[in-house]
């Protein structure tokens, strides 16, 4: 089993983002694996509220002391909120990537896309296969 935190209440993309459904809103963030790989996060660039994001497309940038990586949308939708705390404290992603370190929340435009994402067990298997 994976050594990373992989909550059961999330779904996962093969680009290391997670989604969590909260009513009609979906929160998106980076996984524990991703934040470990990045190292100390120093900057996060997020889209504007009201913008449309499309599954598989870049919606922002996350920068660490080691690398700059694009954020890839796991599903499509309209951005309804961004985590403004990350502007002053991007390291929150390292400290609590599934909680206070969420990135954006969206209203999904195609709920069927969620079924294409991995569950916790599937993501753990994906990580294990990746590291072999």
N, C-alpha and C. Protein backbone atom coordinates (compact mmCIF):
# COMPACT_ATOMS: atom_id res chain seq x y z
N UNK A 1 0.84 -1.20 0.00
CA UNK A 1 0.00 0.00 0.00
C UNK A 1 0.88 1.25 0.00
N UNK A 2 0.39 2.28 -0.57
CA UNK A 2 1.15 3.51 -0.73
C UNK A 2 1.52 4.12 0.62
N UNK A 3 2.67 4.76 0.67
CA UNK A 3 3.12 5.44 1.88
C UNK A 3 2.54 6.84 2.00
N UNK A 4 1.74 7.23 1.04
CA UNK A 4 1.17 8.58 1.02
C UNK A 4 -0.26 8.58 1.57
N UNK A 5 -0.67 9.73 2.08
CA UNK A 5 -2.04 9.91 2.56
C UNK A 5 -2.97 9.99 1.34
N UNK A 6 -3.95 9.07 1.28
CA UNK A 6 -4.89 9.03 0.16
C UNK A 6 -6.30 8.87 0.74
N UNK A 7 -6.97 9.99 1.07
CA UNK A 7 -8.30 9.90 1.69
C UNK A 7 -9.31 9.17 0.80
N UNK A 8 -10.17 8.40 1.45
CA UNK A 8 -11.21 7.63 0.76
C UNK A 8 -12.29 8.52 0.15
N UNK A 9 -12.49 9.74 0.70
CA UNK A 9 -13.59 10.60 0.25
C UNK A 9 -13.23 11.46 -0.95
N UNK A 10 -12.09 11.20 -1.58
CA UNK A 10 -11.66 11.95 -2.76
C UNK A 10 -11.57 11.02 -3.97
N UNK A 11 -11.54 11.63 -5.15
CA UNK A 11 -11.23 10.92 -6.40
C UNK A 11 -9.95 11.56 -6.94
N UNK A 12 -9.21 10.82 -7.76
CA UNK A 12 -7.86 11.23 -8.13
C UNK A 12 -7.62 11.15 -9.63
N UNK A 13 -6.79 12.10 -10.11
CA UNK A 13 -6.39 12.06 -11.52
C UNK A 13 -5.00 11.46 -11.63
N UNK A 14 -4.63 11.04 -12.83
CA UNK A 14 -3.29 10.51 -13.03
C UNK A 14 -2.25 11.64 -13.13
N UNK A 15 -2.70 12.88 -12.96
CA UNK A 15 -1.79 14.04 -12.91
C UNK A 15 -1.60 14.51 -11.47
N UNK A 16 -2.07 13.70 -10.51
CA UNK A 16 -1.87 13.93 -9.07
C UNK A 16 -2.67 15.10 -8.50
N UNK A 17 -3.87 15.30 -9.03
CA UNK A 17 -4.83 16.21 -8.41
C UNK A 17 -5.96 15.37 -7.82
N UNK A 18 -6.62 15.93 -6.82
CA UNK A 18 -7.78 15.28 -6.22
C UNK A 18 -9.00 16.18 -6.34
N UNK A 19 -10.18 15.55 -6.25
CA UNK A 19 -11.43 16.30 -6.13
C UNK A 19 -12.20 15.75 -4.93
N UNK A 20 -12.95 16.62 -4.28
CA UNK A 20 -13.86 16.22 -3.20
C UNK A 20 -15.18 16.92 -3.46
N UNK A 21 -16.24 16.14 -3.52
CA UNK A 21 -17.57 16.68 -3.77
C UNK A 21 -18.17 17.17 -2.45
N UNK A 22 -18.70 18.40 -2.47
CA UNK A 22 -19.36 18.99 -1.32
C UNK A 22 -20.65 19.63 -1.82
N UNK A 23 -21.71 18.84 -1.86
CA UNK A 23 -22.98 19.32 -2.42
C UNK A 23 -22.83 19.50 -3.92
N UNK A 24 -23.12 20.71 -4.40
CA UNK A 24 -22.99 21.00 -5.83
C UNK A 24 -21.59 21.53 -6.19
N UNK A 25 -20.76 21.71 -5.17
CA UNK A 25 -19.43 22.27 -5.37
C UNK A 25 -18.38 21.16 -5.30
N UNK A 26 -17.33 21.30 -6.06
CA UNK A 26 -16.22 20.34 -6.04
C UNK A 26 -14.94 21.10 -5.73
N UNK A 27 -14.25 20.63 -4.69
CA UNK A 27 -12.96 21.19 -4.33
C UNK A 27 -11.87 20.42 -5.07
N UNK A 28 -10.82 21.13 -5.48
CA UNK A 28 -9.70 20.54 -6.20
C UNK A 28 -8.41 20.93 -5.49
N UNK A 29 -7.50 19.97 -5.40
CA UNK A 29 -6.18 20.24 -4.82
C UNK A 29 -5.16 19.28 -5.38
N UNK A 30 -3.93 19.38 -4.89
CA UNK A 30 -2.89 18.44 -5.28
C UNK A 30 -2.76 17.37 -4.21
N UNK A 31 -2.36 16.20 -4.62
CA UNK A 31 -2.26 15.06 -3.70
C UNK A 31 -1.04 15.15 -2.79
N UNK A 32 -1.07 14.32 -1.77
CA UNK A 32 0.06 14.21 -0.86
C UNK A 32 1.32 13.80 -1.63
N UNK A 33 1.17 12.87 -2.56
CA UNK A 33 2.30 12.46 -3.40
C UNK A 33 2.88 13.68 -4.13
N UNK A 34 2.01 14.48 -4.76
CA UNK A 34 2.47 15.64 -5.54
C UNK A 34 3.22 16.64 -4.66
N UNK A 35 2.66 16.94 -3.48
CA UNK A 35 3.32 17.94 -2.65
C UNK A 35 4.65 17.42 -2.11
N UNK A 36 4.77 16.09 -1.89
CA UNK A 36 6.06 15.52 -1.49
C UNK A 36 7.08 15.64 -2.62
N UNK A 37 6.64 15.35 -3.85
CA UNK A 37 7.54 15.42 -5.00
C UNK A 37 8.02 16.85 -5.25
N UNK A 38 7.12 17.81 -5.06
CA UNK A 38 7.47 19.21 -5.30
C UNK A 38 8.43 19.75 -4.24
N UNK A 39 8.26 19.34 -3.00
CA UNK A 39 9.05 19.92 -1.92
C UNK A 39 8.36 21.19 -1.42
N UNK A 40 9.14 22.08 -0.84
CA UNK A 40 8.58 23.29 -0.21
C UNK A 40 7.94 24.20 -1.26
N UNK A 41 6.62 24.36 -1.17
CA UNK A 41 5.87 25.18 -2.13
C UNK A 41 5.99 26.65 -1.74
N UNK A 42 6.35 27.47 -2.73
CA UNK A 42 6.60 28.89 -2.47
C UNK A 42 5.64 29.82 -3.21
N UNK A 43 4.88 29.30 -4.18
CA UNK A 43 3.98 30.16 -4.97
C UNK A 43 2.92 29.30 -5.64
N UNK A 44 1.70 29.82 -5.66
CA UNK A 44 0.60 29.16 -6.37
C UNK A 44 -0.13 30.21 -7.19
N UNK A 45 -0.28 29.95 -8.49
CA UNK A 45 -1.04 30.84 -9.37
C UNK A 45 -2.34 30.13 -9.75
N UNK A 46 -3.47 30.77 -9.43
CA UNK A 46 -4.77 30.15 -9.64
C UNK A 46 -5.61 30.98 -10.61
N UNK A 47 -6.63 30.36 -11.23
CA UNK A 47 -7.46 31.10 -12.19
C UNK A 47 -8.39 32.08 -11.47
N UNK A 48 -8.98 32.96 -12.26
CA UNK A 48 -9.93 33.92 -11.71
C UNK A 48 -11.26 33.26 -11.43
N UNK A 49 -11.93 33.71 -10.38
CA UNK A 49 -13.29 33.25 -10.10
C UNK A 49 -14.16 33.61 -11.29
N UNK A 50 -14.99 32.67 -11.73
CA UNK A 50 -15.85 32.89 -12.88
C UNK A 50 -15.29 32.30 -14.16
N UNK A 51 -13.99 31.96 -14.16
CA UNK A 51 -13.41 31.38 -15.37
C UNK A 51 -13.81 29.91 -15.52
N UNK A 52 -13.72 29.44 -16.73
CA UNK A 52 -14.05 28.05 -17.06
C UNK A 52 -12.76 27.25 -17.14
N UNK A 53 -12.74 26.07 -16.51
CA UNK A 53 -11.60 25.17 -16.68
C UNK A 53 -12.08 23.90 -17.38
N UNK A 54 -11.20 23.30 -18.14
CA UNK A 54 -11.55 22.10 -18.90
C UNK A 54 -10.67 20.94 -18.48
N UNK A 55 -11.29 19.77 -18.33
CA UNK A 55 -10.58 18.57 -17.92
C UNK A 55 -9.36 18.34 -18.80
N UNK A 56 -8.24 18.06 -18.16
CA UNK A 56 -7.01 17.79 -18.89
C UNK A 56 -6.21 19.02 -19.26
N UNK A 57 -6.77 20.20 -19.05
CA UNK A 57 -6.09 21.46 -19.39
C UNK A 57 -5.47 22.10 -18.15
N UNK A 58 -4.47 22.92 -18.37
CA UNK A 58 -3.82 23.64 -17.28
C UNK A 58 -4.77 24.70 -16.72
N UNK A 59 -4.82 24.82 -15.38
CA UNK A 59 -5.63 25.89 -14.79
C UNK A 59 -4.81 26.78 -13.86
N UNK A 60 -3.53 26.53 -13.78
CA UNK A 60 -2.68 27.34 -12.92
C UNK A 60 -1.29 26.75 -12.83
N UNK A 61 -0.51 27.32 -11.91
CA UNK A 61 0.88 26.91 -11.72
C UNK A 61 1.15 26.77 -10.23
N UNK A 62 1.96 25.76 -9.89
CA UNK A 62 2.43 25.60 -8.52
C UNK A 62 3.95 25.56 -8.58
N UNK A 63 4.58 26.36 -7.73
CA UNK A 63 6.02 26.51 -7.78
C UNK A 63 6.61 26.14 -6.42
N UNK A 64 7.68 25.36 -6.47
CA UNK A 64 8.38 25.01 -5.25
C UNK A 64 9.84 25.43 -5.38
N UNK A 65 10.62 25.17 -4.33
CA UNK A 65 12.03 25.50 -4.41
C UNK A 65 12.74 24.62 -5.44
N UNK A 66 12.13 23.48 -5.80
CA UNK A 66 12.74 22.53 -6.75
C UNK A 66 12.22 22.66 -8.17
N UNK A 67 10.94 23.03 -8.34
CA UNK A 67 10.34 22.93 -9.68
C UNK A 67 9.14 23.85 -9.83
N UNK A 68 8.76 24.08 -11.08
CA UNK A 68 7.51 24.75 -11.42
C UNK A 68 6.66 23.73 -12.18
N UNK A 69 5.42 23.53 -11.74
CA UNK A 69 4.55 22.55 -12.38
C UNK A 69 3.21 23.17 -12.72
N UNK A 70 2.66 22.75 -13.86
CA UNK A 70 1.31 23.18 -14.20
C UNK A 70 0.32 22.39 -13.38
N UNK A 71 -0.78 23.03 -13.04
CA UNK A 71 -1.91 22.36 -12.41
C UNK A 71 -2.85 21.93 -13.52
N UNK A 72 -3.24 20.68 -13.53
CA UNK A 72 -4.05 20.12 -14.61
C UNK A 72 -5.45 19.79 -14.08
N UNK A 73 -6.46 20.36 -14.69
CA UNK A 73 -7.84 20.18 -14.22
C UNK A 73 -8.28 18.72 -14.33
N UNK A 74 -8.69 18.11 -13.22
CA UNK A 74 -9.18 16.73 -13.29
C UNK A 74 -10.56 16.63 -13.93
N UNK A 75 -11.36 17.69 -13.80
CA UNK A 75 -12.69 17.74 -14.42
C UNK A 75 -12.96 19.17 -14.89
N UNK A 76 -14.00 19.33 -15.69
CA UNK A 76 -14.38 20.64 -16.23
C UNK A 76 -15.39 21.33 -15.32
N UNK A 77 -15.35 22.66 -15.35
CA UNK A 77 -16.34 23.41 -14.60
C UNK A 77 -16.02 24.88 -14.51
N UNK A 78 -16.89 25.60 -13.81
CA UNK A 78 -16.74 27.05 -13.60
C UNK A 78 -16.15 27.27 -12.21
N UNK A 79 -15.08 28.05 -12.14
CA UNK A 79 -14.43 28.35 -10.87
C UNK A 79 -15.35 29.25 -10.03
N UNK A 80 -15.71 28.76 -8.84
CA UNK A 80 -16.58 29.55 -7.95
C UNK A 80 -15.81 30.14 -6.77
N UNK A 81 -14.63 29.60 -6.49
CA UNK A 81 -13.80 30.15 -5.41
C UNK A 81 -12.35 29.70 -5.61
N UNK A 82 -11.44 30.56 -5.15
CA UNK A 82 -10.03 30.17 -5.08
C UNK A 82 -9.61 30.28 -3.61
N UNK A 83 -8.62 29.52 -3.23
CA UNK A 83 -8.14 29.56 -1.85
C UNK A 83 -7.18 30.74 -1.71
N UNK A 84 -7.73 31.86 -1.25
CA UNK A 84 -6.95 33.10 -1.14
C UNK A 84 -5.87 33.01 -0.07
N UNK A 85 -6.02 32.07 0.88
CA UNK A 85 -4.99 31.88 1.90
C UNK A 85 -3.64 31.53 1.28
N UNK A 86 -3.66 30.91 0.11
CA UNK A 86 -2.42 30.44 -0.50
C UNK A 86 -1.56 31.58 -1.05
N UNK A 87 -2.19 32.76 -1.25
CA UNK A 87 -1.44 33.91 -1.73
C UNK A 87 -0.37 34.31 -0.70
N UNK A 88 -0.76 34.32 0.56
CA UNK A 88 0.16 34.67 1.64
C UNK A 88 0.89 33.45 2.20
N UNK A 89 0.25 32.28 2.10
CA UNK A 89 0.84 31.08 2.69
C UNK A 89 0.78 29.86 1.80
N UNK A 90 1.52 29.88 0.68
CA UNK A 90 1.48 28.75 -0.24
C UNK A 90 1.95 27.43 0.40
N UNK A 91 2.75 27.53 1.47
CA UNK A 91 3.23 26.34 2.15
C UNK A 91 2.10 25.55 2.83
N UNK A 92 0.91 26.14 2.91
CA UNK A 92 -0.26 25.44 3.44
C UNK A 92 -0.54 24.17 2.63
N UNK A 93 -0.22 24.19 1.34
CA UNK A 93 -0.40 23.00 0.50
C UNK A 93 0.45 21.85 1.04
N UNK A 94 1.68 22.15 1.48
CA UNK A 94 2.54 21.11 2.06
C UNK A 94 1.98 20.62 3.39
N UNK A 95 1.49 21.54 4.20
CA UNK A 95 1.05 21.19 5.56
C UNK A 95 -0.28 20.44 5.58
N UNK A 96 -1.19 20.76 4.65
CA UNK A 96 -2.54 20.19 4.71
C UNK A 96 -3.17 20.17 3.32
N UNK A 97 -2.61 19.35 2.43
CA UNK A 97 -3.02 19.39 1.02
C UNK A 97 -4.48 19.00 0.80
N UNK A 98 -5.07 18.21 1.70
CA UNK A 98 -6.47 17.80 1.54
C UNK A 98 -7.44 18.66 2.35
N UNK A 99 -6.91 19.58 3.14
CA UNK A 99 -7.75 20.44 3.98
C UNK A 99 -7.57 21.90 3.59
N UNK A 100 -6.89 22.66 4.47
CA UNK A 100 -6.70 24.10 4.23
C UNK A 100 -5.89 24.40 2.97
N UNK A 101 -5.20 23.39 2.42
CA UNK A 101 -4.37 23.61 1.24
C UNK A 101 -5.08 23.34 -0.08
N UNK A 102 -6.44 23.27 -0.07
CA UNK A 102 -7.18 23.12 -1.33
C UNK A 102 -6.85 24.30 -2.24
N UNK A 103 -7.05 24.13 -3.54
CA UNK A 103 -6.69 25.17 -4.50
C UNK A 103 -7.88 25.98 -4.98
N UNK A 104 -8.84 25.30 -5.61
CA UNK A 104 -10.02 25.98 -6.15
C UNK A 104 -11.26 25.15 -5.87
N UNK A 105 -12.41 25.78 -5.98
CA UNK A 105 -13.66 25.03 -6.00
C UNK A 105 -14.41 25.42 -7.27
N UNK A 106 -15.12 24.43 -7.83
CA UNK A 106 -15.82 24.64 -9.09
C UNK A 106 -17.24 24.10 -9.02
N UNK A 107 -18.06 24.58 -9.94
CA UNK A 107 -19.35 23.95 -10.24
C UNK A 107 -19.08 23.11 -11.48
N UNK A 108 -19.20 21.78 -11.37
CA UNK A 108 -18.86 20.92 -12.51
C UNK A 108 -19.81 21.13 -13.68
N UNK A 109 -19.26 21.04 -14.89
CA UNK A 109 -20.10 21.17 -16.08
C UNK A 109 -20.51 19.81 -16.65
N UNK A 110 -19.81 18.74 -16.24
CA UNK A 110 -20.14 17.40 -16.71
C UNK A 110 -19.83 16.41 -15.59
N UNK A 111 -20.86 16.08 -14.81
CA UNK A 111 -20.65 15.23 -13.65
C UNK A 111 -20.16 13.83 -14.02
N UNK A 112 -20.37 13.41 -15.25
CA UNK A 112 -19.91 12.09 -15.69
C UNK A 112 -18.38 11.99 -15.66
N UNK A 113 -17.69 13.13 -15.78
CA UNK A 113 -16.22 13.12 -15.75
C UNK A 113 -15.68 12.56 -14.44
N UNK A 114 -16.45 12.73 -13.36
CA UNK A 114 -15.98 12.26 -12.05
C UNK A 114 -15.77 10.75 -12.05
N UNK A 115 -16.59 10.02 -12.78
CA UNK A 115 -16.49 8.56 -12.78
C UNK A 115 -15.23 8.08 -13.50
N UNK A 116 -14.59 8.98 -14.26
CA UNK A 116 -13.36 8.61 -14.96
C UNK A 116 -12.13 8.71 -14.06
N UNK A 117 -12.30 9.31 -12.88
CA UNK A 117 -11.18 9.48 -11.96
C UNK A 117 -11.00 8.23 -11.10
N UNK A 118 -9.83 8.10 -10.52
CA UNK A 118 -9.50 6.94 -9.69
C UNK A 118 -10.06 7.10 -8.28
N UNK A 119 -10.49 5.98 -7.67
CA UNK A 119 -10.82 6.02 -6.25
C UNK A 119 -9.51 5.88 -5.48
N UNK A 120 -9.58 5.90 -4.14
CA UNK A 120 -8.37 5.87 -3.32
C UNK A 120 -7.53 4.62 -3.59
N UNK A 121 -8.16 3.47 -3.68
CA UNK A 121 -7.43 2.23 -3.94
C UNK A 121 -6.78 2.25 -5.32
N UNK A 122 -7.50 2.76 -6.30
CA UNK A 122 -6.96 2.85 -7.66
C UNK A 122 -5.78 3.80 -7.74
N UNK A 123 -5.86 4.91 -7.00
CA UNK A 123 -4.75 5.87 -7.01
C UNK A 123 -3.53 5.29 -6.30
N UNK A 124 -3.75 4.58 -5.20
CA UNK A 124 -2.65 3.94 -4.48
C UNK A 124 -1.95 2.94 -5.39
N UNK A 125 -2.73 2.16 -6.13
CA UNK A 125 -2.16 1.18 -7.07
C UNK A 125 -1.37 1.91 -8.16
N UNK A 126 -1.93 3.00 -8.67
CA UNK A 126 -1.26 3.82 -9.69
C UNK A 126 0.10 4.31 -9.17
N UNK A 127 0.14 4.80 -7.92
CA UNK A 127 1.41 5.28 -7.36
C UNK A 127 2.40 4.13 -7.18
N UNK A 128 1.91 3.00 -6.72
CA UNK A 128 2.79 1.84 -6.52
C UNK A 128 3.40 1.40 -7.84
N UNK A 129 2.60 1.38 -8.90
CA UNK A 129 3.09 0.97 -10.23
C UNK A 129 4.08 1.99 -10.78
N UNK A 130 3.84 3.27 -10.49
CA UNK A 130 4.71 4.34 -10.96
C UNK A 130 6.10 4.22 -10.33
N UNK A 131 6.18 3.81 -9.09
CA UNK A 131 7.46 3.78 -8.38
C UNK A 131 8.24 2.48 -8.61
N UNK A 132 7.66 1.52 -9.31
CA UNK A 132 8.37 0.25 -9.55
C UNK A 132 9.46 0.40 -10.59
